[in-house]
PDB file of N, CA and C in Angstrom:
ATOM      1  N   MET A   1      36.374  38.892 -20.105  1.00  0.00           N
ATOM      2  CA  MET A   1      36.110  37.653 -20.700  1.00  0.00           C
ATOM      3  C   MET A   1      35.893  36.536 -19.607  1.00  0.00           C
ATOM      4  N   LYS A   2      36.686  36.653 -18.558  1.00  0.00           N
ATOM      5  CA  LYS A   2      36.606  35.689 -17.490  1.00  0.00           C
ATOM      6  C   LYS A   2      35.274  35.759 -16.790  1.00  0.00           C
ATOM      7  N   LYS A   3      34.802  36.972 -16.686  1.00  0.00           N
ATOM      8  CA  LYS A   3      33.440  37.177 -16.092  1.00  0.00           C
ATOM      9  C   LYS A   3      32.378  36.550 -16.929  1.00  0.00           C
ATOM     10  N   THR A   4      32.478  36.623 -18.139  1.00  0.00           N
ATOM     11  CA  THR A   4      31.549  35.980 -19.110  1.00  0.00           C
ATOM     12  C   THR A   4      31.491  34.496 -18.916  1.00  0.00           C
ATOM     13  N   TYR A   5      32.662  33.962 -18.791  1.00  0.00           N
ATOM     14  CA  TYR A   5      32.748  32.450 -18.646  1.00  0.00           C
ATOM     15  C   TYR A   5      32.197  32.012 -17.290  1.00  0.00           C
ATOM     16  N   LEU A   6      32.507  32.809 -16.287  1.00  0.00           N
ATOM     17  CA  LEU A   6      32.042  32.547 -14.975  1.00  0.00           C
ATOM     18  C   LEU A   6      30.442  32.660 -14.983  1.00  0.00           C
ATOM     19  N   LEU A   7      29.971  33.659 -15.617  1.00  0.00           N
ATOM     20  CA  LEU A   7      28.504  33.838 -15.642  1.00  0.00           C
ATOM     21  C   LEU A   7      27.820  32.667 -16.364  1.00  0.00           C
ATOM     22  N   ILE A   8      28.456  32.183 -17.481  1.00  0.00           N
ATOM     23  CA  ILE A   8      27.915  31.117 -18.229  1.00  0.00           C
ATOM     24  C   ILE A   8      27.924  29.824 -17.407  1.00  0.00           C
ATOM     25  N   ALA A   9      29.024  29.569 -16.695  1.00  0.00           N
ATOM     26  CA  ALA A   9      29.145  28.437 -15.817  1.00  0.00           C
ATOM     27  C   ALA A   9      28.164  28.382 -14.675  1.00  0.00           C
ATOM     28  N   CYS A  10      27.886  29.615 -14.097  1.00  0.00           N
ATOM     29  CA  CYS A  10      26.946  29.765 -13.015  1.00  0.00           C
ATOM     30  C   CYS A  10      25.567  29.384 -13.516  1.00  0.00           C
ATOM     31  N   ALA A  11      25.260  29.933 -14.689  1.00  0.00           N
ATOM     32  CA  ALA A  11      23.945  29.720 -15.355  1.00  0.00           C
ATOM     33  C   ALA A  11      23.673  28.269 -15.624  1.00  0.00           C
ATOM     34  N   ALA A  12      24.679  27.550 -16.090  1.00  0.00           N
ATOM     35  CA  ALA A  12      24.560  26.128 -16.390  1.00  0.00           C
ATOM     36  C   ALA A  12      24.399  25.282 -15.221  1.00  0.00           C
ATOM     37  N   LEU A  13      25.160  25.676 -14.092  1.00  0.00           N
ATOM     38  CA  LEU A  13      25.036  24.943 -12.868  1.00  0.00           C
ATOM     39  C   LEU A  13      23.622  25.133 -12.238  1.00  0.00           C
ATOM     40  N   LEU A  14      23.145  26.424 -12.378  1.00  0.00           N
ATOM     41  CA  LEU A  14      21.779  26.676 -11.801  1.00  0.00           C
ATOM     42  C   LEU A  14      20.750  25.852 -12.615  1.00  0.00           C
ATOM     43  N   ALA A  15      20.839  25.816 -13.884  1.00  0.00           N
ATOM     44  CA  ALA A  15      19.905  25.058 -14.775  1.00  0.00           C
ATOM     45  C   ALA A  15      19.975  23.625 -14.444  1.00  0.00           C
ATOM     46  N   ALA A  16      21.145  23.041 -14.186  1.00  0.00           N
ATOM     47  CA  ALA A  16      21.309  21.641 -13.883  1.00  0.00           C
ATOM     48  C   ALA A  16      20.672  21.339 -12.500  1.00  0.00           C
ATOM     49  N   CYS A  17      20.884  22.210 -11.603  1.00  0.00           N
ATOM     50  CA  CYS A  17      20.301  21.951 -10.176  1.00  0.00           C
ATOM     51  C   CYS A  17      18.803  21.989 -10.251  1.00  0.00           C
ATOM     52  N   SER A  18      18.309  22.970 -10.962  1.00  0.00           N
ATOM     53  CA  SER A  18      16.802  23.189 -10.983  1.00  0.00           C
ATOM     54  C   SER A  18      16.061  21.963 -11.724  1.00  0.00           C
ATOM     55  N   SER A  19      16.722  21.405 -12.741  1.00  0.00           N
ATOM     56  CA  SER A  19      16.046  20.321 -13.481  1.00  0.00           C
ATOM     57  C   SER A  19      16.130  19.052 -12.802  1.00  0.00           C
ATOM     58  N   SER A  20      17.140  18.828 -11.908  1.00  0.00           N
ATOM     59  CA  SER A  20      17.243  17.588 -11.193  1.00  0.00           C
ATOM     60  C   SER A  20      16.390  17.436  -9.962  1.00  0.00           C
ATOM     61  N   SER A  21      15.886  18.589  -9.463  1.00  0.00           N
ATOM     62  CA  SER A  21      14.962  18.471  -8.251  1.00  0.00           C
ATOM     63  C   SER A  21      13.570  18.233  -8.738  1.00  0.00           C
ATOM     64  N   LYS A  22      12.891  17.449  -7.965  1.00  0.00           N
ATOM     65  CA  LYS A  22      11.490  17.091  -8.337  1.00  0.00           C
ATOM     66  C   LYS A  22      10.535  18.171  -7.773  1.00  0.00           C
ATOM     67  N   THR A  23       9.801  18.797  -8.713  1.00  0.00           N
ATOM     68  CA  THR A  23       8.820  19.773  -8.339  1.00  0.00           C
ATOM     69  C   THR A  23       7.400  19.314  -8.663  1.00  0.00           C
ATOM     70  N   VAL A  24       6.439  19.623  -7.849  1.00  0.00           N
ATOM     71  CA  VAL A  24       5.112  19.248  -8.084  1.00  0.00           C
ATOM     72  C   VAL A  24       4.293  20.544  -8.202  1.00  0.00           C
ATOM     73  N   SER A  25       3.461  20.633  -9.187  1.00  0.00           N
ATOM     74  CA  SER A  25       2.714  21.815  -9.396  1.00  0.00           C
ATOM     75  C   SER A  25       1.578  21.928  -8.380  1.00  0.00           C
ATOM     76  N   ILE A  26       1.027  23.117  -8.248  1.00  0.00           N
ATOM     77  CA  ILE A  26      -0.100  23.401  -7.299  1.00  0.00           C
ATOM     78  C   ILE A  26      -1.305  22.651  -7.783  1.00  0.00           C
ATOM     79  N   ASN A  27      -1.926  21.898  -6.828  1.00  0.00           N
ATOM     80  CA  ASN A  27      -3.138  21.098  -7.049  1.00  0.00           C
ATOM     81  C   ASN A  27      -2.847  20.083  -8.161  1.00  0.00           C
ATOM     82  N   ALA A  28      -1.663  19.459  -8.075  1.00  0.00           N
ATOM     83  CA  ALA A  28      -1.250  18.502  -9.025  1.00  0.00           C
ATOM     84  C   ALA A  28      -2.141  17.221  -9.169  1.00  0.00           C
ATOM     85  N   MET A  29      -2.145  16.762 -10.297  1.00  0.00           N
ATOM     86  CA  MET A  29      -2.816  15.470 -10.726  1.00  0.00           C
ATOM     87  C   MET A  29      -1.856  14.687 -11.530  1.00  0.00           C
ATOM     88  N   PRO A  30      -0.775  14.120 -10.940  1.00  0.00           N
ATOM     89  CA  PRO A  30       0.286  13.448 -11.725  1.00  0.00           C
ATOM     90  C   PRO A  30      -0.179  12.335 -12.600  1.00  0.00           C
ATOM     91  N   VAL A  31       0.456  12.203 -13.671  1.00  0.00           N
ATOM     92  CA  VAL A  31       0.081  11.104 -14.621  1.00  0.00           C
ATOM     93  C   VAL A  31       0.250   9.724 -14.042  1.00  0.00           C
ATOM     94  N   LYS A  32       1.380   9.514 -13.303  1.00  0.00           N
ATOM     95  CA  LYS A  32       1.529   8.202 -12.737  1.00  0.00           C
ATOM     96  C   LYS A  32       0.501   7.877 -11.694  1.00  0.00           C
ATOM     97  N   LEU A  33       0.018   8.858 -10.964  1.00  0.00           N
ATOM     98  CA  LEU A  33      -1.019   8.557  -9.964  1.00  0.00           C
ATOM     99  C   LEU A  33      -2.340   8.299 -10.696  1.00  0.00           C
ATOM    100  N   ASN A  34      -2.668   9.056 -11.790  1.00  0.00           N
ATOM    101  CA  ASN A  34      -3.859   8.820 -12.550  1.00  0.00           C
ATOM    102  C   ASN A  34      -3.791   7.389 -13.101  1.00  0.00           C
ATOM    103  N   GLU A  35      -2.666   6.939 -13.607  1.00  0.00           N
ATOM    104  CA  GLU A  35      -2.509   5.627 -14.226  1.00  0.00           C
ATOM    105  C   GLU A  35      -2.741   4.543 -13.099  1.00  0.00           C
ATOM    106  N   ALA A  36      -2.228   4.760 -11.915  1.00  0.00           N
ATOM    107  CA  ALA A  36      -2.360   3.825 -10.803  1.00  0.00           C
ATOM    108  C   ALA A  36      -3.830   3.725 -10.388  1.00  0.00           C
ATOM    109  N   VAL A  37      -4.489   4.832 -10.330  1.00  0.00           N
ATOM    110  CA  VAL A  37      -5.954   4.796  -9.911  1.00  0.00           C
ATOM    111  C   VAL A  37      -6.805   4.092 -10.959  1.00  0.00           C
ATOM    112  N   MET A  38      -6.485   4.411 -12.273  1.00  0.00           N
ATOM    113  CA  MET A  38      -7.320   3.810 -13.319  1.00  0.00           C
ATOM    114  C   MET A  38      -7.025   2.286 -13.438  1.00  0.00           C
ATOM    115  N   ALA A  39      -5.865   1.928 -13.123  1.00  0.00           N
ATOM    116  CA  ALA A  39      -5.491   0.432 -13.233  1.00  0.00           C
ATOM    117  C   ALA A  39      -5.859  -0.387 -12.013  1.00  0.00           C
ATOM    118  N   ALA A  40      -6.209   0.341 -10.923  1.00  0.00           N
ATOM    119  CA  ALA A  40      -6.555  -0.322  -9.725  1.00  0.00           C
ATOM    120  C   ALA A  40      -7.726  -1.359  -9.777  1.00  0.00           C
ATOM    121  N   ASP A  41      -7.617  -2.393  -9.093  1.00  0.00           N
ATOM    122  CA  ASP A  41      -8.639  -3.511  -9.010  1.00  0.00           C
ATOM    123  C   ASP A  41      -9.841  -2.870  -8.319  1.00  0.00           C
ATOM    124  N   ARG A  42     -11.050  -3.164  -8.836  1.00  0.00           N
ATOM    125  CA  ARG A  42     -12.251  -2.639  -8.276  1.00  0.00           C
ATOM    126  C   ARG A  42     -13.174  -3.800  -7.800  1.00  0.00           C
ATOM    127  N   ALA A  43     -12.639  -4.993  -7.874  1.00  0.00           N
ATOM    128  CA  ALA A  43     -13.505  -6.199  -7.555  1.00  0.00           C
ATOM    129  C   ALA A  43     -13.823  -6.211  -6.027  1.00  0.00           C
ATOM    130  N   CYS A  44     -15.048  -6.706  -5.767  1.00  0.00           N
ATOM    131  CA  CYS A  44     -15.466  -6.731  -4.371  1.00  0.00           C
ATOM    132  C   CYS A  44     -16.579  -7.705  -4.202  1.00  0.00           C
ATOM    133  N   THR A  45     -16.880  -8.094  -2.901  1.00  0.00           N
ATOM    134  CA  THR A  45     -18.069  -8.897  -2.598  1.00  0.00           C
ATOM    135  C   THR A  45     -18.908  -8.245  -1.530  1.00  0.00           C
ATOM    136  N   THR A  46     -18.291  -7.391  -0.805  1.00  0.00           N
ATOM    137  CA  THR A  46     -18.972  -6.586   0.233  1.00  0.00           C
ATOM    138  C   THR A  46     -18.493  -5.138   0.263  1.00  0.00           C
ATOM    139  N   ASP A  47     -19.211  -4.241   0.899  1.00  0.00           N
ATOM    140  CA  ASP A  47     -18.791  -2.782   0.978  1.00  0.00           C
ATOM    141  C   ASP A  47     -17.369  -2.709   1.709  1.00  0.00           C
ATOM    142  N   ALA A  48     -17.106  -3.582   2.574  1.00  0.00           N
ATOM    143  CA  ALA A  48     -15.845  -3.606   3.295  1.00  0.00           C
ATOM    144  C   ALA A  48     -14.700  -3.793   2.401  1.00  0.00           C
ATOM    145  N   ASP A  49     -14.851  -4.335   1.206  1.00  0.00           N
ATOM    146  CA  ASP A  49     -13.805  -4.631   0.270  1.00  0.00           C
ATOM    147  C   ASP A  49     -13.338  -3.289  -0.435  1.00  0.00           C
ATOM    148  N   CYS A  50     -14.114  -2.249  -0.309  1.00  0.00           N
ATOM    149  CA  CYS A  50     -13.848  -1.034  -1.037  1.00  0.00           C
ATOM    150  C   CYS A  50     -13.390   0.133  -0.137  1.00  0.00           C
ATOM    151  N   VAL A  51     -12.547   0.944  -0.697  1.00  0.00           N
ATOM    152  CA  VAL A  51     -12.064   2.170  -0.008  1.00  0.00           C
ATOM    153  C   VAL A  51     -11.953   3.280  -1.007  1.00  0.00           C
ATOM    154  N   ALA A  52     -11.880   4.506  -0.607  1.00  0.00           N
ATOM    155  CA  ALA A  52     -11.693   5.685  -1.430  1.00  0.00           C
ATOM    156  C   ALA A  52     -10.197   6.056  -1.488  1.00  0.00           C
ATOM    157  N   VAL A  53      -9.707   6.303  -2.681  1.00  0.00           N
ATOM    158  CA  VAL A  53      -8.367   6.813  -2.827  1.00  0.00           C
ATOM    159  C   VAL A  53      -8.364   8.185  -3.520  1.00  0.00           C
ATOM    160  N   LYS A  54      -7.402   8.980  -3.326  1.00  0.00           N
ATOM    161  CA  LYS A  54      -7.344  10.281  -3.959  1.00  0.00           C
ATOM    162  C   LYS A  54      -7.013  10.126  -5.381  1.00  0.00           C
ATOM    163  N   LYS A  55      -7.551  10.963  -6.257  1.00  0.00           N
ATOM    164  CA  LYS A  55      -7.272  10.959  -7.671  1.00  0.00           C
ATOM    165  C   LYS A  55      -6.234  11.999  -8.004  1.00  0.00           C
ATOM    166  N   GLY A  56      -5.875  12.787  -7.096  1.00  0.00           N
ATOM    167  CA  GLY A  56      -4.840  13.810  -7.296  1.00  0.00           C
ATOM    168  C   GLY A  56      -4.106  14.121  -5.987  1.00  0.00           C
ATOM    169  N   CYS A  57      -3.241  14.962  -5.958  1.00  0.00           N
ATOM    170  CA  CYS A  57      -2.448  15.334  -4.732  1.00  0.00           C
ATOM    171  C   CYS A  57      -3.202  16.035  -3.701  1.00  0.00           C
ATOM    172  N   CYS A  58      -4.301  16.709  -4.110  1.00  0.00           N
ATOM    173  CA  CYS A  58      -5.117  17.512  -3.125  1.00  0.00           C
ATOM    174  C   CYS A  58      -6.514  17.020  -3.029  1.00  0.00           C
ATOM    175  N   GLU A  59      -7.146  17.395  -1.995  1.00  0.00           N
ATOM    176  CA  GLU A  59      -8.509  16.980  -1.634  1.00  0.00           C
ATOM    177  C   GLU A  59      -9.533  17.261  -2.782  1.00  0.00           C
ATOM    178  N   CYS A  60      -9.400  18.368  -3.462  1.00  0.00           N
ATOM    179  CA  CYS A  60     -10.364  18.805  -4.438  1.00  0.00           C
ATOM    180  C   CYS A  60     -10.278  18.060  -5.760  1.00  0.00           C
ATOM    181  N   ALA A  61      -9.279  17.195  -5.845  1.00  0.00           N
ATOM    182  CA  ALA A  61      -9.146  16.405  -7.043  1.00  0.00           C
ATOM    183  C   ALA A  61     -10.212  15.309  -7.073  1.00  0.00           C
ATOM    184  N   GLY A  62     -10.713  14.950  -6.013  1.00  0.00           N
ATOM    185  CA  GLY A  62     -11.792  14.022  -5.872  1.00  0.00           C
ATOM    186  C   GLY A  62     -11.193  12.620  -5.491  1.00  0.00           C
ATOM    187  N   TYR A  63     -12.095  11.651  -5.430  1.00  0.00           N
ATOM    188  CA  TYR A  63     -11.720  10.359  -4.982  1.00  0.00           C
ATOM    189  C   TYR A  63     -12.280   9.284  -5.961  1.00  0.00           C
ATOM    190  N   GLU A  64     -11.731   8.092  -5.897  1.00  0.00           N
ATOM    191  CA  GLU A  64     -12.138   6.925  -6.630  1.00  0.00           C
ATOM    192  C   GLU A  64     -12.274   5.767  -5.698  1.00  0.00           C
ATOM    193  N   ALA A  65     -13.340   4.905  -5.951  1.00  0.00           N
ATOM    194  CA  ALA A  65     -13.534   3.770  -5.139  1.00  0.00           C
ATOM    195  C   ALA A  65     -12.744   2.550  -5.773  1.00  0.00           C
ATOM    196  N   VAL A  66     -11.895   1.931  -4.895  1.00  0.00           N
ATOM    197  CA  VAL A  66     -11.094   0.764  -5.391  1.00  0.00           C
ATOM    198  C   VAL A  66     -11.101  -0.295  -4.332  1.00  0.00           C
ATOM    199  N   ASN A  67     -10.613  -1.482  -4.707  1.00  0.00           N
ATOM    200  CA  ASN A  67     -10.447  -2.533  -3.764  1.00  0.00           C
ATOM    201  C   ASN A  67      -9.445  -2.256  -2.713  1.00  0.00           C
ATOM    202  N   VAL A  68      -9.705  -2.602  -1.467  1.00  0.00           N
ATOM    203  CA  VAL A  68      -8.863  -2.221  -0.336  1.00  0.00           C
ATOM    204  C   VAL A  68      -7.384  -2.623  -0.526  1.00  0.00           C
ATOM    205  N   GLN A  69      -7.189  -3.840  -1.164  1.00  0.00           N
ATOM    206  CA  GLN A  69      -5.770  -4.244  -1.370  1.00  0.00           C
ATOM    207  C   GLN A  69      -5.110  -3.415  -2.565  1.00  0.00           C
ATOM    208  N   ALA A  70      -5.864  -3.048  -3.488  1.00  0.00           N
ATOM    209  CA  ALA A  70      -5.322  -2.154  -4.557  1.00  0.00           C
ATOM    210  C   ALA A  70      -5.016  -0.803  -4.090  1.00  0.00           C
ATOM    211  N   ALA A  71      -5.733  -0.359  -3.072  1.00  0.00           N
ATOM    212  CA  ALA A  71      -5.467   0.967  -2.496  1.00  0.00           C
ATOM    213  C   ALA A  71      -4.058   1.134  -1.952  1.00  0.00           C
ATOM    214  N   GLU A  72      -3.457   0.042  -1.419  1.00  0.00           N
ATOM    215  CA  GLU A  72      -2.076   0.146  -0.961  1.00  0.00           C
ATOM    216  C   GLU A  72      -1.115   0.622  -2.040  1.00  0.00           C
ATOM    217  N   LYS A  73      -1.291   0.009  -3.244  1.00  0.00           N
ATOM    218  CA  LYS A  73      -0.393   0.354  -4.358  1.00  0.00           C
ATOM    219  C   LYS A  73      -0.653   1.838  -4.786  1.00  0.00           C
ATOM    220  N   VAL A  74      -1.876   2.228  -4.868  1.00  0.00           N
ATOM    221  CA  VAL A  74      -2.157   3.657  -5.149  1.00  0.00           C
ATOM    222  C   VAL A  74      -1.657   4.600  -4.145  1.00  0.00           C
ATOM    223  N   GLN A  75      -1.774   4.260  -2.849  1.00  0.00           N
ATOM    224  CA  GLN A  75      -1.169   5.071  -1.812  1.00  0.00           C
ATOM    225  C   GLN A  75       0.285   5.233  -1.906  1.00  0.00           C
ATOM    226  N   LYS A  76       1.048   4.216  -2.286  1.00  0.00           N
ATOM    227  CA  LYS A  76       2.450   4.275  -2.448  1.00  0.00           C
ATOM    228  C   LYS A  76       2.763   5.234  -3.649  1.00  0.00           C
ATOM    229  N   VAL A  77       2.040   5.181  -4.704  1.00  0.00           N
ATOM    230  CA  VAL A  77       2.319   6.134  -5.804  1.00  0.00           C
ATOM    231  C   VAL A  77       1.963   7.527  -5.391  1.00  0.00           C
ATOM    232  N   TRP A  78       0.821   7.665  -4.595  1.00  0.00           N
ATOM    233  CA  TRP A  78       0.443   9.078  -4.135  1.00  0.00           C
ATOM    234  C   TRP A  78       1.570   9.609  -3.328  1.00  0.00           C
ATOM    235  N   GLU A  79       2.119   8.853  -2.364  1.00  0.00           N
ATOM    236  CA  GLU A  79       3.187   9.282  -1.490  1.00  0.00           C
ATOM    237  C   GLU A  79       4.421   9.766  -2.247  1.00  0.00           C
ATOM    238  N   LYS A  80       4.733   8.980  -3.338  1.00  0.00           N
ATOM    239  CA  LYS A  80       5.923   9.323  -4.093  1.00  0.00           C
ATOM    240  C   LYS A  80       5.675  10.562  -4.946  1.00  0.00           C
ATOM    241  N   GLU A  81       4.503  10.679  -5.623  1.00  0.00           N
ATOM    242  CA  GLU A  81       4.248  11.707  -6.572  1.00  0.00           C
ATOM    243  C   GLU A  81       3.820  13.036  -5.888  1.00  0.00           C
ATOM    244  N   CYS A  82       3.180  12.885  -4.725  1.00  0.00           N
ATOM    245  CA  CYS A  82       2.555  14.129  -4.125  1.00  0.00           C
ATOM    246  C   CYS A  82       3.204  14.574  -2.809  1.00  0.00           C
ATOM    247  N   ILE A  83       4.478  14.067  -2.516  1.00  0.00           N
ATOM    248  CA  ILE A  83       5.107  14.361  -1.321  1.00  0.00           C
ATOM    249  C   ILE A  83       5.213  15.869  -1.021  1.00  0.00           C
ATOM    250  N   ASN A  84       5.482  16.636  -1.991  1.00  0.00           N
ATOM    251  CA  ASN A  84       5.680  18.108  -1.754  1.00  0.00           C
ATOM    252  C   ASN A  84       4.658  19.026  -2.498  1.00  0.00           C
ATOM    253  N   ALA A  85       3.518  18.341  -2.818  1.00  0.00           N
ATOM    254  CA  ALA A  85       2.498  19.066  -3.575  1.00  0.00           C
ATOM    255  C   ALA A  85       1.783  20.128  -2.756  1.00  0.00           C
ATOM    256  N   PRO A  86       1.813  21.429  -3.243  1.00  0.00           N
ATOM    257  CA  PRO A  86       1.052  22.446  -2.523  1.00  0.00           C
ATOM    258  C   PRO A  86      -0.395  22.444  -2.947  1.00  0.00           C
ATOM    259  N   CYS A  87      -1.325  22.645  -2.090  1.00  0.00           N
ATOM    260  CA  CYS A  87      -2.753  22.719  -2.436  1.00  0.00           C
ATOM    261  C   CYS A  87      -3.265  24.098  -2.085  1.00  0.00           C
ATOM    262  N   THR A  88      -4.175  24.617  -2.926  1.00  0.00           N
ATOM    263  CA  THR A  88      -4.738  25.950  -2.745  1.00  0.00           C
ATOM    264  C   THR A  88      -6.145  25.917  -2.031  1.00  0.00           C
ATOM    265  N   ARG A  89      -6.799  24.811  -2.246  1.00  0.00           N
ATOM    266  CA  ARG A  89      -8.172  24.776  -1.673  1.00  0.00           C
ATOM    267  C   ARG A  89      -8.203  23.966  -0.459  1.00  0.00           C
ATOM    268  N   GLU A  90      -8.984  24.356   0.580  1.00  0.00           N
ATOM    269  CA  GLU A  90      -9.079  23.699   1.810  1.00  0.00           C
ATOM    270  C   GLU A  90     -10.241  22.709   1.885  1.00  0.00           C
ATOM    271  N   MET A  91     -11.338  22.965   1.190  1.00  0.00           N
ATOM    272  CA  MET A  91     -12.488  22.086   1.379  1.00  0.00           C
ATOM    273  C   MET A  91     -13.243  22.071   0.010  1.00  0.00           C
ATOM    274  N   CYS A  92     -13.561  20.896  -0.384  1.00  0.00           N
ATOM    275  CA  CYS A  92     -14.336  20.716  -1.656  1.00  0.00           C
ATOM    276  C   CYS A  92     -15.328  19.624  -1.295  1.00  0.00           C
ATOM    277  N   TYR A  93     -16.466  19.605  -2.012  1.00  0.00           N
ATOM    278  CA  TYR A  93     -17.475  18.648  -1.819  1.00  0.00           C
ATOM    279  C   TYR A  93     -17.296  17.485  -2.789  1.00  0.00           C
ATOM    280  N   VAL A  94     -16.241  16.665  -2.562  1.00  0.00           N
ATOM    281  CA  VAL A  94     -15.942  15.574  -3.482  1.00  0.00           C
ATOM    282  C   VAL A  94     -15.762  14.306  -2.765  1.00  0.00           C
ATOM    283  N   GLN A  95     -15.934  14.185  -1.465  1.00  0.00           N
ATOM    284  CA  GLN A  95     -15.799  12.942  -0.711  1.00  0.00           C
ATOM    285  C   GLN A  95     -16.870  11.931  -1.135  1.00  0.00           C
ATOM    286  N   ILE A  96     -16.477  10.717  -1.115  1.00  0.00           N
ATOM    287  CA  ILE A  96     -17.423   9.530  -1.476  1.00  0.00           C
ATOM    288  C   ILE A  96     -17.487   8.582  -0.387  1.00  0.00           C
ATOM    289  N   ASP A  97     -18.579   7.815  -0.455  1.00  0.00           N
ATOM    290  CA  ASP A  97     -18.764   6.619   0.330  1.00  0.00           C
ATOM    291  C   ASP A  97     -18.491   5.393  -0.641  1.00  0.00           C
ATOM    292  N   PRO A  98     -17.408   4.646  -0.387  1.00  0.00           N
ATOM    293  CA  PRO A  98     -17.173   3.497  -1.329  1.00  0.00           C
ATOM    294  C   PRO A  98     -18.090   2.349  -0.999  1.00  0.00           C
ATOM    295  N   VAL A  99     -18.789   1.840  -2.023  1.00  0.00           N
ATOM    296  CA  VAL A  99     -19.712   0.694  -1.777  1.00  0.00           C
ATOM    297  C   VAL A  99     -19.418  -0.359  -2.900  1.00  0.00           C
ATOM    298  N   CYS A 100     -19.900  -1.601  -2.647  1.00  0.00           N
ATOM    299  CA  CYS A 100     -19.808  -2.670  -3.584  1.00  0.00           C
ATOM    300  C   CYS A 100     -21.153  -2.834  -4.224  1.00  0.00           C
ATOM    301  N   GLU A 101     -21.211  -2.633  -5.612  1.00  0.00           N
ATOM    302  CA  GLU A 101     -22.388  -2.810  -6.368  1.00  0.00           C
ATOM    303  C   GLU A 101     -22.085  -3.767  -7.511  1.00  0.00           C
ATOM    304  N   ASN A 102     -22.817  -4.898  -7.559  1.00  0.00           N
ATOM    305  CA  ASN A 102     -22.630  -5.846  -8.619  1.00  0.00           C
ATOM    306  C   ASN A 102     -21.176  -6.301  -8.742  1.00  0.00           C
ATOM    307  N   ASN A 103     -20.530  -6.488  -7.535  1.00  0.00           N
ATOM    308  CA  ASN A 103     -19.125  -6.984  -7.431  1.00  0.00           C
ATOM    309  C   ASN A 103     -18.079  -5.984  -7.931  1.00  0.00           C
ATOM    310  N   VAL A 104     -18.436  -4.621  -7.928  1.00  0.00           N
ATOM    311  CA  VAL A 104     -17.507  -3.650  -8.435  1.00  0.00           C
ATOM    312  C   VAL A 104     -17.534  -2.473  -7.392  1.00  0.00           C
ATOM    313  N   CYS A 105     -16.437  -2.056  -6.986  1.00  0.00           N
ATOM    314  CA  CYS A 105     -16.375  -0.871  -6.034  1.00  0.00           C
ATOM    315  C   CYS A 105     -16.767   0.364  -6.778  1.00  0.00           C
ATOM    316  N   VAL A 106     -17.710   1.139  -6.246  1.00  0.00           N
ATOM    317  CA  VAL A 106     -18.117   2.375  -6.843  1.00  0.00           C
ATOM    318  C   VAL A 106     -18.181   3.377  -5.748  1.00  0.00           C
ATOM    319  N   GLY A 107     -18.122   4.640  -6.025  1.00  0.00           N
ATOM    320  CA  GLY A 107     -18.248   5.704  -5.075  1.00  0.00           C
ATOM    321  C   GLY A 107     -19.468   6.477  -5.170  1.00  0.00           C
ATOM    322  N   LYS A 108     -20.184   6.634  -4.049  1.00  0.00           N
ATOM    323  CA  LYS A 108     -21.421   7.421  -4.012  1.00  0.00           C
ATOM    324  C   LYS A 108     -21.025   8.748  -3.332  1.00  0.00           C
ATOM    325  N   LEU A 109     -21.327   9.836  -4.044  1.00  0.00           N
ATOM    326  CA  LEU A 109     -20.963  11.161  -3.446  1.00  0.00           C
ATOM    327  C   LEU A 109     -21.642  11.312  -2.159  1.00  0.00           C
ATOM    328  N   LYS A 110     -20.922  11.764  -1.148  1.00  0.00           N
ATOM    329  CA  LYS A 110     -21.481  12.025   0.233  1.00  0.00           C
ATOM    330  C   LYS A 110     -22.470  13.109   0.097  1.00  0.00           C
ATOM    331  N   PRO A 111     -23.578  13.067   0.868  1.00  0.00           N
ATOM    332  CA  PRO A 111     -24.564  14.188   0.953  1.00  0.00           C
ATOM    333  C   PRO A 111     -23.966  15.409   1.519  1.00  0.00           C
ATOM    334  N   MET A 112     -24.458  16.566   1.104  1.00  0.00           N
ATOM    335  CA  MET A 112     -23.862  17.821   1.593  1.00  0.00           C
ATOM    336  C   MET A 112     -23.998  17.917   3.054  1.00  0.00           C
ATOM    337  N   ASP A 113     -25.045  17.425   3.709  1.00  0.00           N
ATOM    338  CA  ASP A 113     -25.263  17.611   5.166  1.00  0.00           C
ATOM    339  C   ASP A 113     -24.165  16.696   5.983  1.00  0.00           C
ATOM    340  N   SER A 114     -23.562  15.901   5.320  1.00  0.00           N
ATOM    341  CA  SER A 114     -22.472  15.130   6.006  1.00  0.00           C
ATOM    342  C   SER A 114     -21.194  15.872   6.224  1.00  0.00           C
ATOM    343  N   TYR A 115     -21.085  17.014   5.580  1.00  0.00           N
ATOM    344  CA  TYR A 115     -19.827  17.834   5.708  1.00  0.00           C
ATOM    345  C   TYR A 115     -19.891  18.707   6.930  1.00  0.00           C
ATOM    346  N   LYS A 116     -20.960  18.840   7.682  1.00  0.00           N
ATOM    347  CA  LYS A 116     -21.078  19.664   8.777  1.00  0.00           C
ATOM    348  C   LYS A 116     -20.151  19.376   9.875  1.00  0.00           C
TER     349      LYS A 116
END
C-alpha cells in the first residue's frame, strides 16, 4: 500500500513539474507572436521606416513588413515566445524586402537569385 501511495505521489509531482515548464513546439508559430505581428503599426513615409519581422519562431514561417518602431515590440514578444523553439528546416525562400508603398509597409518577396 505504501508503494502505491509513493507511486501516486511521484506521478503527481512529475505531472506538476512538466506542466509548469514552458515548452515550445517544433517550428512554432505562437498565438501571442501572431497577434503582435498582426497588430503592429505599418505606417511609413519612406522605405527606411519599414523592417521585416519573423511571423513564427523559425525562418520558414516567413516575414511581415512593419514599421521599424513597431518591430521592437514584436521582437520582444518573439524573444519571450520563441526562446527555446526548435526548428527543423534550415533554409526557406520566404525572405522579404520591406518597402513603403502608399504610406504602408509591405514586403516584396526576395528574388531567388538573391539567396546565392
